[in-house]
Structures are given as C-alpha cells and as structure tokens.
Amino acid sequence: MLKKLQWLGIVMVFLVACISIYKVSQYKTQINHLQADKMELSNKINEMETQTAYLLNNQTLQLNSSNYQSWENYFEKAEVMVKDSEGRFLRPWATFLVKEAEKYNIDPFLVYELLKVETGTTFDPGLVGPETKYGHAYGMAQFMKNTAPWVAEMAELPYEDELLYDPYYSIKLSLVYLDYLHDRYGNWNETLTAYHRGMTGMKQYKLKNGHAKSEYALIIQTNAKEHGLLAIAN
C-alpha cells in the first residue's frame, strides 16, 4: 500500500511538472508574440512620427516663382532627358519633372534615372511589375498599393489605383516619396535603396553589408551626375 502511494505521488509530481512545463512553454510563446507585436507597433509609430514631422516641416515650403529664365533652364534639362531616352520619356513629362523637382530641391536627373531603372528604360506609364509576396508595383514610378495611398496623402493628392498609371501623378508621387525618405535618412544611398527595397529592406541590406550603397543607388547617382554635367555643358 505504501509503495502504491509513493508511486502515485511520483506520478502526480510528474503530471504537475509536465503541466507546468507546458504552461511555461505557452507563456514563452505568448511573450514572443507580444514582443513581435510590440516591435511592429513601435515601427509603425516611428513611421507615423516621421511622416508627421515631414508634413509639419513642409507646411512652410516656399515654392519658387518661375520666370522666363527659369523656363529656359527647365527646357534645357528636359531636352537632355528626351534625347537620352530616345523620345520614350516625353517632353511634357520631362518639363513637368524638372519644374516639380525644383520645389523639393531634388536633382531632376536622379528622378529621371530612377524612372529609367524602374521601367527598364521603357518609361511605360502602364507598366505592371512582376508579382512579389507584397503584390505588384504599378506605373512609371512602380508604386505598390500598400505604399502609394499614404504617399499620396502626404502629397495632398487624391488616391485611386488607376491614378498610378498617370505619368504626371506617378512622377509627383516619386518626388514626394524621395523627399520624405531623404528627409528621414539624410543621404541618397539610403534614400534610393529604401525606395527600391522598402525601408525595412534597406535596414536589412545595411545590416548585411555594413552600408546602403546598393548597385541600384550607385547606378542612379552616377548616371544622374553625368546628365547634370551634360546639361551644364549645353
């Protein structure tokens, strides 16, 4: 009888231990989920704060008034883009890009080269990018539908999916997004790599390589500089 009670006690202790281990495992899983949720929430809050700061900083943005000398400069730069693209980047698009880029103090050739890379030199406004785990990218600036709406909101523009195929709308969004990213990171390597890979993707690239000088960023900057020199020479 005593032995049976001893065995029963051992079994009970074993069961209690198993239950405790199971509960601890559950608690650890819940804690891991909570930590992941906390990190995701923290990232979202950080992004919202940077977006708010960007909007507040740009409420006082003073747009440059144009005169006949400014327009001559716009046309000269636009002509470099039209010739380089062999007419695929239309002259009205190029002039619009040069004029709008001035508002954000962004080199228009950076944006032109970005559009060239994003479209594979086609400058096709109706381009639909290959499917990814996040969906497709659309239009000349290749915006995804999870990014374009809040960029449009920062730009104080309406948003509809179909608008991503409008070349002027696409160019405007690319300028606003680049301006936002550059305001956040303060350099073009991180800005362009974040445009290409997403902000999280840029961080991962930087952690892996120790820098944000991706091939994408370097090609755009190098070609933009060459165009700028050509425009000055002309």
C-alpha atoms as a PDB file:
ATOM      1  CA  MET A   1       0.000   0.000   0.000  1.00  0.00           C
ATOM      2  CA  LEU A   2       2.823   2.399   0.918  1.00  0.00           C
ATOM      3  CA  LYS A   3       4.601   1.653  -2.359  1.00  0.00           C
ATOM      4  CA  LYS A   4       1.427   2.365  -4.307  1.00  0.00           C
ATOM      5  CA  LEU A   5       1.061   5.709  -2.558  1.00  0.00           C
ATOM      6  CA  GLN A   6       4.701   6.503  -3.311  1.00  0.00           C
ATOM      7  CA  TRP A   7       4.217   5.651  -6.998  1.00  0.00           C
ATOM      8  CA  LEU A   8       1.006   7.674  -7.043  1.00  0.00           C
ATOM      9  CA  GLY A   9       2.875  10.611  -5.543  1.00  0.00           C
ATOM     10  CA  ILE A  10       5.627  10.296  -8.135  1.00  0.00           C
ATOM     11  CA  VAL A  11       3.053  10.172 -10.944  1.00  0.00           C
ATOM     12  CA  MET A  12       1.281  13.231  -9.550  1.00  0.00           C
ATOM     13  CA  VAL A  13       4.565  15.164  -9.304  1.00  0.00           C
ATOM     14  CA  PHE A  14       5.408  14.118 -12.873  1.00  0.00           C
ATOM     15  CA  LEU A  15       1.994  15.276 -14.136  1.00  0.00           C
ATOM     16  CA  VAL A  16       2.297  18.586 -12.301  1.00  0.00           C
ATOM     17  CA  ALA A  17       5.779  19.056 -13.740  1.00  0.00           C
ATOM     18  CA  CYS A  18       4.535  18.298 -17.265  1.00  0.00           C
ATOM     19  CA  ILE A  19       1.638  20.725 -16.879  1.00  0.00           C
ATOM     20  CA  SER A  20       3.991  23.382 -15.544  1.00  0.00           C
ATOM     21  CA  ILE A  21       6.432  22.890 -18.433  1.00  0.00           C
ATOM     22  CA  TYR A  22       3.543  23.088 -20.914  1.00  0.00           C
ATOM     23  CA  LYS A  23       2.252  26.293 -19.330  1.00  0.00           C
ATOM     24  CA  VAL A  24       5.743  27.822 -19.275  1.00  0.00           C
ATOM     25  CA  SER A  25       6.108  26.951 -22.963  1.00  0.00           C
ATOM     26  CA  GLN A  26       2.754  28.603 -23.674  1.00  0.00           C
ATOM     27  CA  TYR A  27       3.775  31.697 -21.727  1.00  0.00           C
ATOM     28  CA  LYS A  28       7.068  31.893 -23.656  1.00  0.00           C
ATOM     29  CA  THR A  29       5.189  31.657 -26.961  1.00  0.00           C
ATOM     30  CA  GLN A  30       2.769  34.360 -25.867  1.00  0.00           C
ATOM     31  CA  ILE A  31       5.644  36.554 -24.724  1.00  0.00           C
ATOM     32  CA  ASN A  32       7.403  36.100 -28.084  1.00  0.00           C
ATOM     33  CA  HIS A  33       4.197  37.060 -29.909  1.00  0.00           C
ATOM     34  CA  LEU A  34       3.754  40.098 -27.666  1.00  0.00           C
ATOM     35  CA  GLN A  35       7.349  41.167 -28.244  1.00  0.00           C
ATOM     36  CA  ALA A  36       6.905  40.813 -32.016  1.00  0.00           C
ATOM     37  CA  ASP A  37       3.652  42.809 -31.855  1.00  0.00           C
ATOM     38  CA  LYS A  38       5.376  45.437 -29.718  1.00  0.00           C
ATOM     39  CA  MET A  39       8.221  45.768 -32.254  1.00  0.00           C
ATOM     40  CA  GLU A  40       5.787  46.025 -35.173  1.00  0.00           C
ATOM     41  CA  LEU A  41       3.738  48.635 -33.308  1.00  0.00           C
ATOM     42  CA  SER A  42       6.903  50.537 -32.428  1.00  0.00           C
ATOM     43  CA  ASN A  43       7.958  50.556 -36.100  1.00  0.00           C
ATOM     44  CA  LYS A  44       4.519  51.830 -37.162  1.00  0.00           C
ATOM     45  CA  ILE A  45       4.594  54.563 -34.525  1.00  0.00           C
ATOM     46  CA  ASN A  46       8.090  55.556 -35.668  1.00  0.00           C
ATOM     47  CA  GLU A  47       6.948  55.736 -39.291  1.00  0.00           C
ATOM     48  CA  MET A  48       3.884  57.787 -38.328  1.00  0.00           C
ATOM     49  CA  GLU A  49       6.067  60.179 -36.338  1.00  0.00           C
ATOM     50  CA  THR A  50       8.487  60.662 -39.237  1.00  0.00           C
ATOM     51  CA  GLN A  51       5.583  61.180 -41.660  1.00  0.00           C
ATOM     52  CA  THR A  52       4.053  63.767 -39.323  1.00  0.00           C
ATOM     53  CA  ALA A  53       7.395  65.525 -38.909  1.00  0.00           C
ATOM     54  CA  TYR A  54       7.832  65.587 -42.684  1.00  0.00           C
ATOM     55  CA  LEU A  55       4.399  67.124 -43.195  1.00  0.00           C
ATOM     56  CA  LEU A  56       4.978  69.741 -40.499  1.00  0.00           C
ATOM     57  CA  ASN A  57       8.378  70.660 -41.925  1.00  0.00           C
ATOM     58  CA  ASN A  58       6.945  71.053 -45.416  1.00  0.00           C
ATOM     59  CA  GLN A  59       3.932  73.150 -44.456  1.00  0.00           C
ATOM     60  CA  THR A  60       6.200  76.181 -44.716  1.00  0.00           C
ATOM     61  CA  LEU A  61       7.721  75.105 -48.036  1.00  0.00           C
ATOM     62  CA  GLN A  62       8.084  78.136 -50.276  1.00  0.00           C
ATOM     63  CA  LEU A  63       7.674  77.386 -53.968  1.00  0.00           C
ATOM     64  CA  ASN A  64       9.995  79.185 -56.347  1.00  0.00           C
ATOM     65  CA  SER A  65       8.289  81.595 -58.705  1.00  0.00           C
ATOM     66  CA  SER A  66       9.092  80.955 -62.323  1.00  0.00           C
ATOM     67  CA  ASN A  67      10.298  83.474 -64.845  1.00  0.00           C
ATOM     68  CA  TYR A  68      11.384  83.248 -68.458  1.00  0.00           C
ATOM     69  CA  GLN A  69      14.972  82.434 -67.419  1.00  0.00           C
ATOM     70  CA  SER A  70      13.777  79.551 -65.217  1.00  0.00           C
ATOM     71  CA  TRP A  71      11.730  78.058 -68.044  1.00  0.00           C
ATOM     72  CA  GLU A  72      14.712  78.178 -70.388  1.00  0.00           C
ATOM     73  CA  ASN A  73      16.652  76.146 -67.809  1.00  0.00           C
ATOM     74  CA  TYR A  74      13.745  73.711 -67.436  1.00  0.00           C
ATOM     75  CA  PHE A  75      13.595  73.121 -71.189  1.00  0.00           C
ATOM     76  CA  GLU A  76      17.352  72.566 -71.443  1.00  0.00           C
ATOM     77  CA  LYS A  77      17.306  69.875 -68.741  1.00  0.00           C
ATOM     78  CA  ALA A  78      14.147  68.341 -70.160  1.00  0.00           C
ATOM     79  CA  GLU A  79      15.754  68.100 -73.585  1.00  0.00           C
ATOM     80  CA  VAL A  80      18.656  66.080 -72.130  1.00  0.00           C
ATOM     81  CA  MET A  81      16.127  63.565 -70.767  1.00  0.00           C
ATOM     82  CA  VAL A  82      14.187  63.356 -74.027  1.00  0.00           C
ATOM     83  CA  LYS A  83      17.348  62.743 -76.058  1.00  0.00           C
ATOM     84  CA  ASP A  84      18.759  60.207 -73.604  1.00  0.00           C
ATOM     85  CA  SER A  85      15.502  58.245 -73.659  1.00  0.00           C
ATOM     86  CA  GLU A  86      15.334  58.428 -77.470  1.00  0.00           C
ATOM     87  CA  GLY A  87      11.960  60.107 -77.164  1.00  0.00           C
ATOM     88  CA  ARG A  88      10.402  57.492 -74.862  1.00  0.00           C
ATOM     89  CA  PHE A  89      10.325  59.972 -71.971  1.00  0.00           C
ATOM     90  CA  LEU A  90       8.051  62.578 -73.497  1.00  0.00           C
ATOM     91  CA  ARG A  91       8.967  66.253 -73.457  1.00  0.00           C
ATOM     92  CA  PRO A  92       5.895  67.327 -71.408  1.00  0.00           C
ATOM     93  CA  TRP A  93       6.752  64.693 -68.763  1.00  0.00           C
ATOM     94  CA  ALA A  94      10.372  65.851 -68.666  1.00  0.00           C
ATOM     95  CA  THR A  95       9.442  69.515 -68.316  1.00  0.00           C
ATOM     96  CA  PHE A  96       6.958  68.679 -65.562  1.00  0.00           C
ATOM     97  CA  LEU A  97       9.592  66.628 -63.729  1.00  0.00           C
ATOM     98  CA  VAL A  98      12.216  69.379 -63.882  1.00  0.00           C
ATOM     99  CA  LYS A  99       9.741  72.011 -62.686  1.00  0.00           C
ATOM    100  CA  GLU A 100       8.355  69.890 -59.821  1.00  0.00           C
ATOM    101  CA  ALA A 101      11.798  68.694 -58.692  1.00  0.00           C
ATOM    102  CA  GLU A 102      12.782  72.301 -58.058  1.00  0.00           C
ATOM    103  CA  LYS A 103      10.057  72.561 -55.399  1.00  0.00           C
ATOM    104  CA  TYR A 104      11.718  69.816 -53.368  1.00  0.00           C
ATOM    105  CA  ASN A 105      15.301  70.809 -54.134  1.00  0.00           C
ATOM    106  CA  ILE A 106      15.878  67.393 -55.740  1.00  0.00           C
ATOM    107  CA  ASP A 107      18.107  66.845 -58.754  1.00  0.00           C
ATOM    108  CA  PRO A 108      15.592  66.022 -61.535  1.00  0.00           C
ATOM    109  CA  PHE A 109      18.112  63.708 -63.171  1.00  0.00           C
ATOM    110  CA  LEU A 110      18.060  61.497 -60.058  1.00  0.00           C
ATOM    111  CA  VAL A 111      14.334  61.017 -60.537  1.00  0.00           C
ATOM    112  CA  TYR A 112      14.695  60.549 -64.277  1.00  0.00           C
ATOM    113  CA  GLU A 113      17.302  57.823 -63.778  1.00  0.00           C
ATOM    114  CA  LEU A 114      15.133  56.189 -61.122  1.00  0.00           C
ATOM    115  CA  LEU A 115      12.208  56.074 -63.552  1.00  0.00           C
ATOM    116  CA  LYS A 116      14.514  54.675 -66.226  1.00  0.00           C
ATOM    117  CA  VAL A 117      15.674  51.854 -63.944  1.00  0.00           C
ATOM    118  CA  GLU A 118      12.188  51.136 -62.584  1.00  0.00           C
ATOM    119  CA  THR A 119      10.716  50.773 -66.082  1.00  0.00           C
ATOM    120  CA  GLY A 120      13.697  49.043 -67.694  1.00  0.00           C
ATOM    121  CA  THR A 121      14.289  52.103 -69.940  1.00  0.00           C
ATOM    122  CA  THR A 122      10.747  51.874 -71.400  1.00  0.00           C
ATOM    123  CA  PHE A 123       9.191  54.740 -69.387  1.00  0.00           C
ATOM    124  CA  ASP A 124       5.893  52.904 -69.796  1.00  0.00           C
ATOM    125  CA  PRO A 125       3.183  54.623 -67.681  1.00  0.00           C
ATOM    126  CA  GLY A 126       1.040  51.471 -67.808  1.00  0.00           C
ATOM    127  CA  LEU A 127       3.753  49.133 -66.556  1.00  0.00           C
ATOM    128  CA  VAL A 128       2.777  46.404 -64.081  1.00  0.00           C
ATOM    129  CA  GLY A 129       5.760  44.944 -62.259  1.00  0.00           C
ATOM    130  CA  PRO A 130       6.322  41.232 -61.553  1.00  0.00           C
ATOM    131  CA  GLU A 131       4.380  39.636 -58.708  1.00  0.00           C
ATOM    132  CA  THR A 132       6.059  39.646 -55.307  1.00  0.00           C
ATOM    133  CA  LYS A 133       4.916  38.497 -51.875  1.00  0.00           C
ATOM    134  CA  TYR A 134       3.689  42.068 -51.339  1.00  0.00           C
ATOM    135  CA  GLY A 135       1.853  42.248 -54.667  1.00  0.00           C
ATOM    136  CA  HIS A 136       2.631  44.095 -57.903  1.00  0.00           C
ATOM    137  CA  ALA A 137       4.147  47.528 -58.479  1.00  0.00           C
ATOM    138  CA  TYR A 138       2.386  49.877 -60.876  1.00  0.00           C
ATOM    139  CA  GLY A 139       3.085  52.756 -63.217  1.00  0.00           C
ATOM    140  CA  MET A 140       6.223  54.590 -64.240  1.00  0.00           C
ATOM    141  CA  ALA A 141       7.463  55.008 -60.657  1.00  0.00           C
ATOM    142  CA  GLN A 142       6.463  51.420 -59.742  1.00  0.00           C
ATOM    143  CA  PHE A 143       4.480  52.136 -56.585  1.00  0.00           C
ATOM    144  CA  MET A 144       2.856  49.309 -54.667  1.00  0.00           C
ATOM    145  CA  LYS A 145      -0.696  49.673 -53.404  1.00  0.00           C
ATOM    146  CA  ASN A 146       0.402  49.440 -49.774  1.00  0.00           C
ATOM    147  CA  THR A 147       2.715  52.459 -50.175  1.00  0.00           C
ATOM    148  CA  ALA A 148       1.064  54.737 -52.725  1.00  0.00           C
ATOM    149  CA  PRO A 149      -2.004  55.776 -50.633  1.00  0.00           C
ATOM    150  CA  TRP A 150      -0.051  57.275 -47.714  1.00  0.00           C
ATOM    151  CA  VAL A 151       2.457  58.916 -50.074  1.00  0.00           C
ATOM    152  CA  ALA A 152      -0.497  60.452 -51.942  1.00  0.00           C
ATOM    153  CA  GLU A 153      -1.845  61.678 -48.607  1.00  0.00           C
ATOM    154  CA  MET A 154       1.493  63.370 -47.849  1.00  0.00           C
ATOM    155  CA  ALA A 155       1.376  64.928 -51.314  1.00  0.00           C
ATOM    156  CA  GLU A 156      -2.190  66.120 -50.600  1.00  0.00           C
ATOM    157  CA  LEU A 157      -3.389  64.267 -53.683  1.00  0.00           C
ATOM    158  CA  PRO A 158      -6.437  62.022 -54.115  1.00  0.00           C
ATOM    159  CA  TYR A 159      -5.772  58.315 -54.424  1.00  0.00           C
ATOM    160  CA  GLU A 160      -7.250  55.719 -56.752  1.00  0.00           C
ATOM    161  CA  ASP A 161      -5.441  52.666 -58.104  1.00  0.00           C
ATOM    162  CA  GLU A 162      -5.966  53.860 -61.674  1.00  0.00           C
ATOM    163  CA  LEU A 163      -4.077  57.093 -60.975  1.00  0.00           C
ATOM    164  CA  LEU A 164      -0.839  55.110 -60.649  1.00  0.00           C
ATOM    165  CA  TYR A 165      -0.895  54.791 -64.454  1.00  0.00           C
ATOM    166  CA  ASP A 166      -0.953  58.589 -64.899  1.00  0.00           C
ATOM    167  CA  PRO A 167       2.664  59.654 -65.682  1.00  0.00           C
ATOM    168  CA  TYR A 168       2.320  63.064 -64.013  1.00  0.00           C
ATOM    169  CA  TYR A 169       0.762  61.558 -60.890  1.00  0.00           C
ATOM    170  CA  SER A 170       3.454  58.887 -60.806  1.00  0.00           C
ATOM    171  CA  ILE A 171       6.245  61.463 -61.144  1.00  0.00           C
ATOM    172  CA  LYS A 172       4.725  63.602 -58.392  1.00  0.00           C
ATOM    173  CA  LEU A 173       4.466  60.630 -56.000  1.00  0.00           C
ATOM    174  CA  SER A 174       8.066  59.642 -56.694  1.00  0.00           C
ATOM    175  CA  LEU A 175       9.249  63.164 -55.842  1.00  0.00           C
ATOM    176  CA  VAL A 176       7.264  63.302 -52.604  1.00  0.00           C
ATOM    177  CA  TYR A 177       8.397  59.824 -51.548  1.00  0.00           C
ATOM    178  CA  LEU A 178      12.046  60.596 -52.324  1.00  0.00           C
ATOM    179  CA  ASP A 179      11.782  63.890 -50.468  1.00  0.00           C
ATOM    180  CA  TYR A 180      10.276  62.092 -47.462  1.00  0.00           C
ATOM    181  CA  LEU A 181      12.955  59.379 -47.468  1.00  0.00           C
ATOM    182  CA  HIS A 182      15.790  61.867 -47.876  1.00  0.00           C
ATOM    183  CA  ASP A 183      14.348  63.965 -45.055  1.00  0.00           C
ATOM    184  CA  ARG A 184      14.390  60.813 -42.927  1.00  0.00           C
ATOM    185  CA  TYR A 185      17.821  59.407 -43.820  1.00  0.00           C
ATOM    186  CA  GLY A 186      19.747  62.481 -44.927  1.00  0.00           C
ATOM    187  CA  ASN A 187      21.681  60.754 -47.746  1.00  0.00           C
ATOM    188  CA  TRP A 188      20.920  59.394 -51.192  1.00  0.00           C
ATOM    189  CA  ASN A 189      22.345  55.895 -50.727  1.00  0.00           C
ATOM    190  CA  GLU A 190      19.857  55.040 -48.007  1.00  0.00           C
ATOM    191  CA  THR A 191      17.096  57.019 -49.713  1.00  0.00           C
ATOM    192  CA  LEU A 192      17.360  55.242 -53.055  1.00  0.00           C
ATOM    193  CA  THR A 193      17.930  51.807 -51.544  1.00  0.00           C
ATOM    194  CA  ALA A 194      14.847  52.319 -49.348  1.00  0.00           C
ATOM    195  CA  TYR A 195      12.838  53.356 -52.426  1.00  0.00           C
ATOM    196  CA  HIS A 196      13.909  50.155 -54.162  1.00  0.00           C
ATOM    197  CA  ARG A 197      13.751  47.665 -51.282  1.00  0.00           C
ATOM    198  CA  GLY A 198      11.406  49.367 -48.852  1.00  0.00           C
ATOM    199  CA  MET A 199      12.514  50.897 -45.568  1.00  0.00           C
ATOM    200  CA  THR A 200      12.711  47.536 -43.805  1.00  0.00           C
ATOM    201  CA  GLY A 201      14.561  46.044 -46.772  1.00  0.00           C
ATOM    202  CA  MET A 202      17.064  48.886 -46.692  1.00  0.00           C
ATOM    203  CA  LYS A 203      17.748  48.258 -42.994  1.00  0.00           C
ATOM    204  CA  GLN A 204      18.310  44.559 -43.690  1.00  0.00           C
ATOM    205  CA  TYR A 205      20.639  45.375 -46.602  1.00  0.00           C
ATOM    206  CA  LYS A 206      22.597  47.779 -44.407  1.00  0.00           C
ATOM    207  CA  LEU A 207      22.911  45.228 -41.578  1.00  0.00           C
ATOM    208  CA  LYS A 208      24.148  42.584 -44.007  1.00  0.00           C
ATOM    209  CA  ASN A 209      26.578  44.765 -45.967  1.00  0.00           C
ATOM    210  CA  GLY A 210      27.512  47.454 -43.462  1.00  0.00           C
ATOM    211  CA  HIS A 211      26.355  50.211 -45.835  1.00  0.00           C
ATOM    212  CA  ALA A 212      23.465  51.209 -48.084  1.00  0.00           C
ATOM    213  CA  LYS A 213      25.476  51.659 -51.296  1.00  0.00           C
ATOM    214  CA  SER A 214      23.402  49.249 -53.342  1.00  0.00           C
ATOM    215  CA  GLU A 215      24.017  48.835 -57.065  1.00  0.00           C
ATOM    216  CA  TYR A 216      20.613  50.427 -57.646  1.00  0.00           C
ATOM    217  CA  ALA A 217      21.577  53.567 -55.704  1.00  0.00           C
ATOM    218  CA  LEU A 218      25.025  53.882 -57.267  1.00  0.00           C
ATOM    219  CA  ILE A 219      23.838  53.484 -60.868  1.00  0.00           C
ATOM    220  CA  ILE A 220      21.153  56.149 -60.449  1.00  0.00           C
ATOM    221  CA  GLN A 221      23.509  58.630 -58.796  1.00  0.00           C
ATOM    222  CA  THR A 222      26.345  58.057 -61.287  1.00  0.00           C
ATOM    223  CA  ASN A 223      24.138  58.477 -64.359  1.00  0.00           C
ATOM    224  CA  ALA A 224      22.341  61.471 -62.851  1.00  0.00           C
ATOM    225  CA  LYS A 225      25.673  63.209 -62.284  1.00  0.00           C
ATOM    226  CA  GLU A 226      26.690  62.618 -65.915  1.00  0.00           C
ATOM    227  CA  HIS A 227      23.408  64.095 -67.160  1.00  0.00           C
ATOM    228  CA  GLY A 228      23.855  67.091 -64.896  1.00  0.00           C
ATOM    229  CA  LEU A 229      27.299  67.769 -66.325  1.00  0.00           C
ATOM    230  CA  LEU A 230      25.910  67.430 -69.842  1.00  0.00           C
ATOM    231  CA  ALA A 231      23.134  69.892 -69.075  1.00  0.00           C
ATOM    232  CA  ILE A 232      25.659  72.407 -67.719  1.00  0.00           C
ATOM    233  CA  ALA A 233      27.875  71.985 -70.786  1.00  0.00           C
ATOM    234  CA  ASN A 234      24.956  72.686 -73.085  1.00  0.00           C
END
